[in-house]
Protein backbone atom coordinates (compact mmCIF):
# COMPACT_ATOMS: atom_id res chain seq x y z
CA MET A 1 117.46 -62.42 45.99
CA LEU A 2 118.59 -62.35 42.05
CA ILE A 3 122.04 -64.13 42.98
CA PHE A 4 119.22 -66.91 44.81
CA LEU A 5 117.13 -67.27 42.07
CA THR A 6 120.35 -67.20 39.37
CA ARG A 7 121.32 -70.32 41.02
CA HIS A 8 118.00 -71.62 41.59
CA PRO A 9 116.55 -71.02 37.83
CA GLU A 10 113.32 -73.73 38.18
CA ILE A 11 112.50 -71.33 41.77
CA GLN A 12 112.64 -68.55 39.17
CA GLN A 13 110.44 -69.96 36.14
CA LYS A 14 107.81 -70.87 39.01
CA VAL A 15 107.99 -66.93 40.08
CA PHE A 16 108.21 -65.83 36.44
CA ASP A 17 104.96 -68.64 36.23
CA GLU A 18 103.14 -66.93 38.87
CA ILE A 19 103.23 -63.05 37.80
CA GLN A 20 102.30 -63.80 34.20
CA GLN A 21 99.35 -65.98 35.94
CA THR A 22 98.12 -63.06 37.97
CA LEU A 23 98.84 -60.34 35.62
CA GLY A 24 96.63 -61.24 32.84
CA ASP A 25 95.94 -58.95 30.37
CA ARG A 26 97.72 -55.97 32.70
CA THR A 27 101.32 -54.46 32.02
CA ARG A 28 101.81 -54.17 35.55
CA LEU A 29 101.24 -55.78 38.88
CA SER A 30 100.10 -53.79 41.63
CA ILE A 31 100.95 -54.14 45.34
CA LEU A 32 97.37 -55.76 46.22
CA ASP A 33 98.76 -58.88 43.77
CA ARG A 34 101.03 -59.72 46.35
CA GLN A 35 97.84 -61.32 48.23
CA LEU A 36 97.17 -63.38 45.27
CA MET A 37 100.81 -64.50 44.93
CA PRO A 38 102.15 -66.96 47.92
CA TYR A 39 104.77 -68.57 46.00
CA THR A 40 106.21 -64.88 45.20
CA GLN A 41 105.49 -64.28 49.39
CA ALA A 42 107.78 -67.46 49.92
CA VAL A 43 110.59 -66.50 47.48
CA LEU A 44 110.28 -63.11 49.16
CA LEU A 45 110.24 -64.45 52.73
CA GLU A 46 113.62 -67.19 52.39
CA SER A 47 115.82 -64.49 50.05
CA GLN A 48 115.00 -62.49 53.45
CA ARG A 49 115.79 -64.92 56.10
CA LEU A 50 118.88 -66.53 53.79
CA GLY A 51 119.97 -63.27 51.90
CA ASP A 52 119.87 -61.70 55.92
CA ILE A 53 121.59 -58.24 54.87
CA ALA A 54 121.36 -56.93 58.17
CA PRO A 55 123.00 -59.71 60.66
CA PHE A 56 122.75 -57.72 63.39
CA SER A 57 120.14 -54.96 65.11
CA LEU A 58 120.90 -52.02 66.58
CA ALA A 59 122.32 -51.45 70.31
CA HIS A 60 120.37 -51.82 73.01
CA SER A 61 120.35 -51.10 77.02
CA ASN A 62 119.10 -52.70 79.73
CA PHE A 63 118.29 -50.85 82.57
CA GLU A 64 117.87 -53.54 85.46
CA PRO A 65 120.11 -56.97 85.45
CA VAL A 66 118.25 -59.37 83.20
CA SER A 67 118.50 -63.29 83.25
CA LEU A 68 118.75 -65.23 80.19
CA ASN A 69 119.45 -69.24 79.81
CA GLY A 70 121.68 -69.30 82.92
CA TYR A 71 123.25 -66.19 82.11
CA THR A 72 122.61 -62.62 83.92
CA ILE A 73 123.46 -59.36 82.06
CA PRO A 74 124.37 -56.73 84.41
CA ALA A 75 121.91 -53.55 83.95
CA HIS A 76 123.45 -50.55 81.45
CA SER A 77 125.22 -53.54 79.50
CA VAL A 78 125.27 -52.94 75.49
CA VAL A 79 123.49 -55.61 73.76
CA ILE A 80 123.79 -56.39 70.45
CA PRO A 81 121.41 -58.97 69.00
CA ASN A 82 122.48 -61.06 66.23
CA LEU A 83 119.40 -61.84 64.16
CA HIS A 84 121.47 -63.77 62.00
CA SER A 85 121.75 -66.65 64.14
CA VAL A 86 118.16 -66.94 64.63
CA LEU A 87 117.70 -67.17 61.11
CA VAL A 88 120.30 -70.08 60.52
CA ASP A 89 119.52 -71.66 64.04
CA PRO A 90 119.29 -75.77 62.74
CA GLU A 91 116.61 -76.20 65.69
CA VAL A 92 114.00 -73.34 64.00
CA TRP A 93 114.84 -74.21 59.35
CA GLU A 94 114.94 -77.44 58.43
CA LYS A 95 118.45 -77.15 56.40
CA PRO A 96 118.95 -73.77 57.12
CA GLU A 97 121.94 -73.01 54.45
CA GLU A 98 119.51 -74.40 51.52
CA PHE A 99 117.21 -71.81 49.64
CA ILE A 100 114.05 -73.30 50.50
CA PRO A 101 110.98 -71.13 49.39
CA GLU A 102 108.67 -74.16 50.58
CA ARG A 103 109.51 -73.68 54.25
CA PHE A 104 107.17 -70.64 54.61
CA PHE A 105 103.83 -72.98 53.46
CA ASP A 106 102.14 -74.31 56.04
CA SER A 107 100.23 -78.01 54.87
CA GLU A 108 97.28 -75.88 52.66
CA ASN A 109 99.89 -74.20 50.79
CA LYS A 110 99.26 -71.20 52.70
CA VAL A 111 101.92 -68.49 53.75
CA ILE A 112 103.08 -68.62 56.96
CA THR A 113 106.38 -66.85 59.20
CA LYS A 114 107.93 -68.56 62.21
CA LYS A 115 108.18 -65.85 64.99
CA GLU A 116 111.78 -66.77 64.76
CA PHE A 117 111.53 -65.05 61.21
CA VAL A 118 113.40 -61.52 61.95
CA PRO A 119 114.73 -59.62 59.09
CA PHE A 120 113.28 -56.74 60.20
CA SER A 121 114.28 -57.37 63.79
CA LEU A 122 111.56 -57.67 66.40
CA GLY A 123 108.98 -56.80 68.86
CA ASN A 124 108.85 -52.95 69.90
CA ARG A 125 112.29 -51.91 68.30
CA ILE A 126 111.36 -53.26 64.68
CA CYS A 127 112.35 -51.66 62.04
CA PRO A 128 110.02 -48.49 60.72
CA GLY A 129 111.03 -49.06 56.72
CA LYS A 130 109.64 -52.82 57.29
CA SER A 131 106.04 -52.28 55.31
CA LEU A 132 107.98 -49.80 52.46
CA GLY A 133 110.68 -52.64 52.20
CA LYS A 134 108.37 -55.26 51.90
CA MET A 135 106.79 -53.86 49.39
CA GLU A 136 109.90 -52.37 47.72
CA LEU A 137 111.14 -56.20 47.41
CA PHE A 138 107.81 -57.31 45.74
CA HIS A 139 107.81 -54.66 42.96
CA PHE A 140 111.41 -55.30 42.64
CA LEU A 141 110.89 -59.07 42.04
CA THR A 142 108.19 -59.29 39.51
CA ALA A 143 109.07 -56.16 37.75
CA ILE A 144 112.89 -57.84 36.98
CA LEU A 145 111.27 -61.44 36.50
CA GLN A 146 108.44 -60.06 34.12
CA ASP A 147 110.72 -58.46 31.86
CA PHE A 148 114.14 -60.61 32.25
CA GLU A 149 115.63 -64.04 32.36
CA ILE A 150 118.72 -63.77 35.40
CA LEU A 151 121.55 -66.03 34.16
CA PRO A 152 125.00 -66.37 35.43
CA GLU A 153 127.44 -64.60 33.66
CA SER A 154 128.60 -67.73 32.02
CA SER A 155 127.51 -71.08 31.18
CA GLY A 156 127.94 -73.30 34.12
CA CYS A 157 129.51 -70.28 36.41
CA LEU A 158 127.30 -69.95 39.52
CA PRO A 159 127.31 -66.67 41.50
CA SER A 160 129.17 -67.19 45.08
CA LEU A 161 127.35 -67.05 47.89
CA GLU A 162 130.39 -65.67 49.56
CA CYS A 163 129.46 -62.21 51.58
CA ARG A 164 131.72 -59.41 53.41
CA LEU A 165 130.43 -59.14 56.71
CA GLY A 166 130.45 -55.47 58.68
CA ILE A 167 127.54 -53.80 59.88
CA THR A 168 126.21 -55.25 57.31
CA ARG A 169 126.44 -58.22 55.37
CA VAL A 170 127.05 -58.13 51.78
CA PRO A 171 127.41 -60.61 49.06
CA VAL A 172 130.74 -60.30 46.96
CA ASP A 173 130.60 -58.43 43.63
CA ASN A 174 128.98 -61.11 40.85
CA LYS A 175 128.03 -60.29 37.48
CA LEU A 176 124.42 -61.52 36.67
CA ARG A 177 123.17 -61.45 32.66
CA PHE A 178 119.71 -60.08 32.41
CA VAL A 179 118.14 -61.71 29.12
CA PRO A 180 115.04 -59.84 27.63
CA ARG A 181 111.99 -62.05 27.32
CA THR A 182 110.02 -62.64 24.66
CA ARG A 183 106.46 -61.23 24.80
CA ASN A 184 103.59 -61.97 22.28
CA MET A 185 102.65 -58.41 22.29
CA VAL A 186 98.79 -57.92 21.09
CA SER A 187 97.69 -55.07 19.18
CA ARG A 188 95.04 -53.04 21.06
């Protein structure tokens, strides 16, 4: 998420503006503020879609033969769902390799998710940490952007989008600069 925001400073600025607007005279946001911040929600969703750190779900097994798209999966097969293929499918997502938070808005600018949005897996086997993870991502993003502007290590040198693939999909090492934001502090 931080790499995407560094590569897209205009998106980072929109999230910061939404944080400031929602924050008012408070010092920190609460999880209840998330519903008041549609653009930030869309950035979080797009970061999960394109960042996709868990491209494969856990291995499953079927008790009976299953037919899928003309193929038969024999009973007791080991099945490892490729969630990444769904999250970057060009038949589902327009320009799937681009970071476009607006894809999560409907015609009335309300946040929506497609059934193909599966960063926490799907169905009965969904990640038990989904709610906590979503809450932590919101607090992580808003706390950092409230206090820092995230910039590339050096001007004109954007961080890499390359990843190492194993059980997880991890970005290669990048260096970012966290520049403190100036605040207009009011005496109380």
